[in-house]
Protein backbone atom coordinates (compact mmCIF):
# COMPACT_ATOMS: atom_id res chain seq x y z
CA MET A 1 -19.25 0.09 17.99
CA SER A 2 -15.72 -0.83 16.96
CA ARG A 3 -14.97 -4.27 18.34
CA VAL A 4 -11.24 -3.52 18.42
CA GLY A 5 -11.69 -0.02 19.83
CA ALA A 6 -14.02 -1.18 22.61
CA LYS A 7 -11.44 -3.57 24.12
CA PRO A 8 -9.59 -1.96 27.06
CA ILE A 9 -5.79 -2.20 27.18
CA THR A 10 -4.43 -3.71 30.40
CA LEU A 11 -0.95 -2.42 31.18
CA PRO A 12 1.73 -4.91 32.26
CA ALA A 13 3.94 -4.26 35.27
CA GLY A 14 6.51 -1.52 34.76
CA VAL A 15 4.51 0.38 32.11
CA THR A 16 3.03 3.84 32.70
CA VAL A 17 0.83 5.98 30.45
CA LYS A 18 0.56 9.77 30.42
CA VAL A 19 -2.39 11.47 28.66
CA SER A 20 -2.00 15.21 28.12
CA GLY A 21 -4.71 16.61 25.84
CA ARG A 22 -4.26 14.80 22.52
CA GLU A 23 -0.74 13.57 23.40
CA VAL A 24 -0.38 10.01 24.70
CA SER A 25 3.01 8.72 25.86
CA VAL A 26 3.80 5.20 27.04
CA THR A 27 6.93 4.44 29.10
CA GLY A 28 8.29 0.97 29.80
CA PRO A 29 11.49 -1.03 30.32
CA LYS A 30 12.62 -0.55 26.68
CA GLY A 31 11.94 3.18 26.40
CA THR A 32 9.19 5.69 25.66
CA SER A 33 6.80 6.02 22.72
CA SER A 34 4.34 8.81 22.08
CA MET A 35 1.65 9.76 19.58
CA THR A 36 -0.91 12.46 18.88
CA VAL A 37 -4.45 11.09 18.72
CA PRO A 38 -7.00 12.50 16.22
CA HIS A 39 -9.66 14.98 17.40
CA SER A 40 -12.37 12.34 17.05
CA ALA A 41 -10.73 9.95 19.55
CA LYS A 42 -10.54 10.26 23.31
CA VAL A 43 -8.21 8.31 25.55
CA ASP A 44 -8.89 7.63 29.26
CA TYR A 45 -6.33 6.19 31.66
CA ASP A 46 -7.45 4.50 34.87
CA GLN A 47 -4.29 4.70 36.97
CA ALA A 48 -5.65 2.56 39.81
CA GLY A 49 -6.67 -0.32 37.56
CA LYS A 50 -3.81 0.25 35.06
CA ILE A 51 -6.29 0.21 32.17
CA VAL A 52 -6.37 2.41 29.06
CA SER A 53 -9.67 2.76 27.21
CA VAL A 54 -10.32 4.52 23.90
CA GLY A 55 -13.59 6.18 22.91
CA ARG A 56 -14.82 8.54 20.20
CA THR A 57 -16.54 11.92 20.18
CA ASP A 58 -19.10 11.22 17.42
CA ASP A 59 -20.35 8.44 15.15
CA THR A 60 -19.09 9.55 11.72
CA LYS A 61 -17.40 7.02 9.44
CA GLN A 62 -13.95 8.55 10.02
CA SER A 63 -14.42 8.57 13.79
CA ARG A 64 -15.41 4.90 13.77
CA ALA A 65 -12.31 4.09 11.72
CA ASN A 66 -10.04 6.12 14.01
CA HIS A 67 -11.53 4.45 17.11
CA GLY A 68 -10.08 1.02 16.35
CA LEU A 69 -6.90 2.47 14.83
CA VAL A 70 -6.00 4.54 17.90
CA ARG A 71 -6.64 1.60 20.22
CA ALA A 72 -4.40 -0.67 18.05
CA LEU A 73 -1.60 1.95 17.92
CA ILE A 74 -1.62 2.40 21.71
CA ALA A 75 -1.59 -1.40 22.20
CA ASN A 76 1.42 -1.58 19.84
CA MET A 77 3.18 1.15 21.84
CA VAL A 78 2.63 -0.84 25.05
CA GLU A 79 4.00 -4.00 23.42
CA GLY A 80 6.93 -2.07 21.95
CA VAL A 81 8.14 -0.63 25.26
CA THR A 82 7.80 -4.01 27.03
CA THR A 83 8.94 -6.72 24.58
CA GLY A 84 9.77 -4.74 21.39
CA PHE A 85 9.35 -5.76 17.75
CA GLU A 86 11.71 -7.52 15.40
CA LYS A 87 12.00 -8.61 11.77
CA ARG A 88 14.46 -11.25 10.60
CA LEU A 89 15.92 -11.15 7.10
CA GLU A 90 17.89 -13.83 5.27
CA ILE A 91 20.29 -13.03 2.42
CA TYR A 92 20.74 -15.87 -0.07
CA GLY A 93 23.33 -15.93 -2.84
CA THR A 94 26.98 -16.71 -3.52
CA GLY A 95 29.05 -13.75 -2.41
CA TYR A 96 26.00 -11.97 -0.96
CA ASN A 97 26.78 -10.60 2.49
CA CYS A 98 26.15 -7.86 5.04
CA LYS A 99 28.10 -6.11 7.78
CA LEU A 100 27.26 -3.55 10.43
CA GLN A 101 29.83 -0.80 10.90
CA GLY A 102 28.81 1.74 13.51
CA LYS A 103 25.35 3.02 12.54
CA THR A 104 25.60 1.90 8.88
CA LEU A 105 24.46 -1.40 7.38
CA HIS A 106 26.68 -2.49 4.46
CA LEU A 107 25.20 -4.87 1.88
CA ASN A 108 26.73 -6.72 -1.06
CA VAL A 109 23.93 -8.39 -3.00
CA GLY A 110 25.25 -9.22 -6.46
CA PHE A 111 25.24 -5.86 -8.27
CA THR A 112 28.60 -6.05 -10.05
CA GLY A 113 30.02 -2.74 -11.16
CA ARG A 114 28.02 -0.80 -8.58
CA ASN A 115 30.87 -0.56 -6.11
CA ARG A 116 33.80 -0.98 -8.55
CA GLY A 117 36.01 -2.44 -5.84
CA LYS A 118 35.37 0.42 -3.41
CA GLY A 119 33.56 -1.60 -0.73
CA SER A 120 29.84 -2.15 -0.23
CA GLN A 121 27.21 -1.87 -2.97
CA PHE A 122 24.68 -0.39 -0.53
CA GLU A 123 25.30 1.59 2.67
CA LEU A 124 22.14 2.17 4.67
CA PRO A 125 22.19 4.50 7.69
CA VAL A 126 20.34 2.88 10.59
CA PRO A 127 17.43 5.12 11.74
CA ASP A 128 17.18 6.32 15.34
CA GLY A 129 15.33 3.87 17.55
CA ILE A 130 16.36 0.87 15.42
CA GLU A 131 18.87 -1.78 16.49
CA ILE A 132 20.55 -4.01 13.90
CA VAL A 133 22.17 -7.35 14.75
CA VAL A 134 24.02 -9.34 12.08
CA GLU A 135 23.53 -12.82 13.53
CA LYS A 136 25.39 -14.65 10.76
CA GLU A 137 27.71 -13.43 8.04
CA ALA A 138 27.97 -15.66 4.99
CA ALA A 139 31.46 -17.13 4.59
CA ARG A 140 32.99 -17.68 1.15
CA GLY A 141 31.47 -20.78 -0.41
CA ASP A 142 28.86 -21.05 2.38
CA THR A 143 25.40 -22.16 1.22
CA ASP A 144 23.66 -20.98 4.40
CA PRO A 145 22.20 -17.47 4.20
CA ALA A 146 23.46 -14.42 6.08
CA GLU A 147 20.97 -13.36 8.76
CA VAL A 148 20.06 -9.85 9.92
CA VAL A 149 17.75 -8.97 12.83
CA ILE A 150 16.05 -5.56 12.94
CA ARG A 151 14.70 -4.58 16.37
CA GLY A 152 12.96 -1.57 17.88
CA THR A 153 10.09 -0.29 20.00
CA ASP A 154 8.22 1.29 17.06
CA LYS A 155 6.43 -1.34 14.95
CA GLN A 156 6.10 0.99 11.94
CA LYS A 157 9.81 1.93 11.94
CA VAL A 158 10.96 -1.69 12.23
CA GLY A 159 8.66 -2.83 9.41
CA GLN A 160 9.58 0.14 7.18
CA PHE A 161 13.34 -0.36 7.49
CA ALA A 162 13.02 -4.14 6.96
CA ALA A 163 10.96 -3.49 3.80
CA GLU A 164 13.56 -1.01 2.50
CA VAL A 165 16.38 -3.53 3.00
CA ARG A 166 14.37 -6.32 1.36
CA ALA A 167 13.50 -4.10 -1.63
CA LEU A 168 17.20 -3.67 -2.52
CA ARG A 169 17.33 -7.22 -3.90
CA LYS A 170 14.02 -9.05 -4.01
CA THR A 171 14.33 -12.82 -4.24
CA GLU A 172 14.40 -14.08 -7.82
CA PRO A 173 12.38 -17.24 -8.56
CA TYR A 174 14.98 -19.39 -10.38
CA LYS A 175 17.89 -19.79 -7.96
CA GLY A 176 16.26 -18.12 -4.96
CA LYS A 177 18.93 -15.43 -4.65
CA GLY A 178 18.05 -12.24 -2.83
CA ILE A 179 16.79 -10.88 0.47
CA ARG A 180 13.71 -12.37 2.12
CA TYR A 181 11.98 -12.45 5.49
CA LYS A 182 12.81 -15.49 7.59
CA GLY A 183 10.18 -18.14 6.90
CA GLU A 184 8.95 -16.38 3.74
CA TYR A 185 7.86 -18.80 1.02
CA VAL A 186 9.43 -18.15 -2.38
CA ARG A 187 7.64 -19.74 -5.31
CA ARG A 188 10.35 -21.25 -7.48
CA LYS A 189 10.27 -21.56 -11.28
CA GLN A 190 11.95 -24.17 -13.39
CA GLY A 191 14.54 -22.84 -15.82
CA LYS A 192 14.33 -23.47 -19.56
CA ALA A 193 15.41 -26.97 -20.51
CA LEU A 194 17.75 -27.43 -23.45
CA THR A 195 16.38 -29.75 -26.12
CA SER A 196 18.46 -31.35 -28.82
CA GLY A 197 17.01 -30.84 -32.28
């Protein structure tokens, strides 16, 4: 028996679940999320007790794997529509900065010649269901990093977009310039020392 899959999900106040065949939708204060469960999983909703339980139709290896996965995905949907998910990114580097204009995130992260004076080096369209907040823009000569917050109800979408932004300029180990998650540890290297012959 899957230890994760066997745990029932207790719904907080203001959250409702609708199970229609293999479609499960969860509605809460922050919106609605839905998913299609695999054939090997079965979802039961006890409306009176506000409890969702996940079971499986057989005992094959794939069914056992899906059992815990489906339960975790539904629990994430419940958390997403109540409190939501967020990832915080910090952008370190002289002249490195970001701006949000409409539904586009503009990034300048040290690639000279890429924009040739025409504006941002990277322009990323913000996916549907994702909210971007630029909490701090780096001023000229400022040593503090620029900070970006990525929020949404879908954990996978939030994590995917944050990873795509971070991959544009991974932090280099000598000066620590680049994009990193807030609180991420960057192992620093010492540069080559000049020796007089």
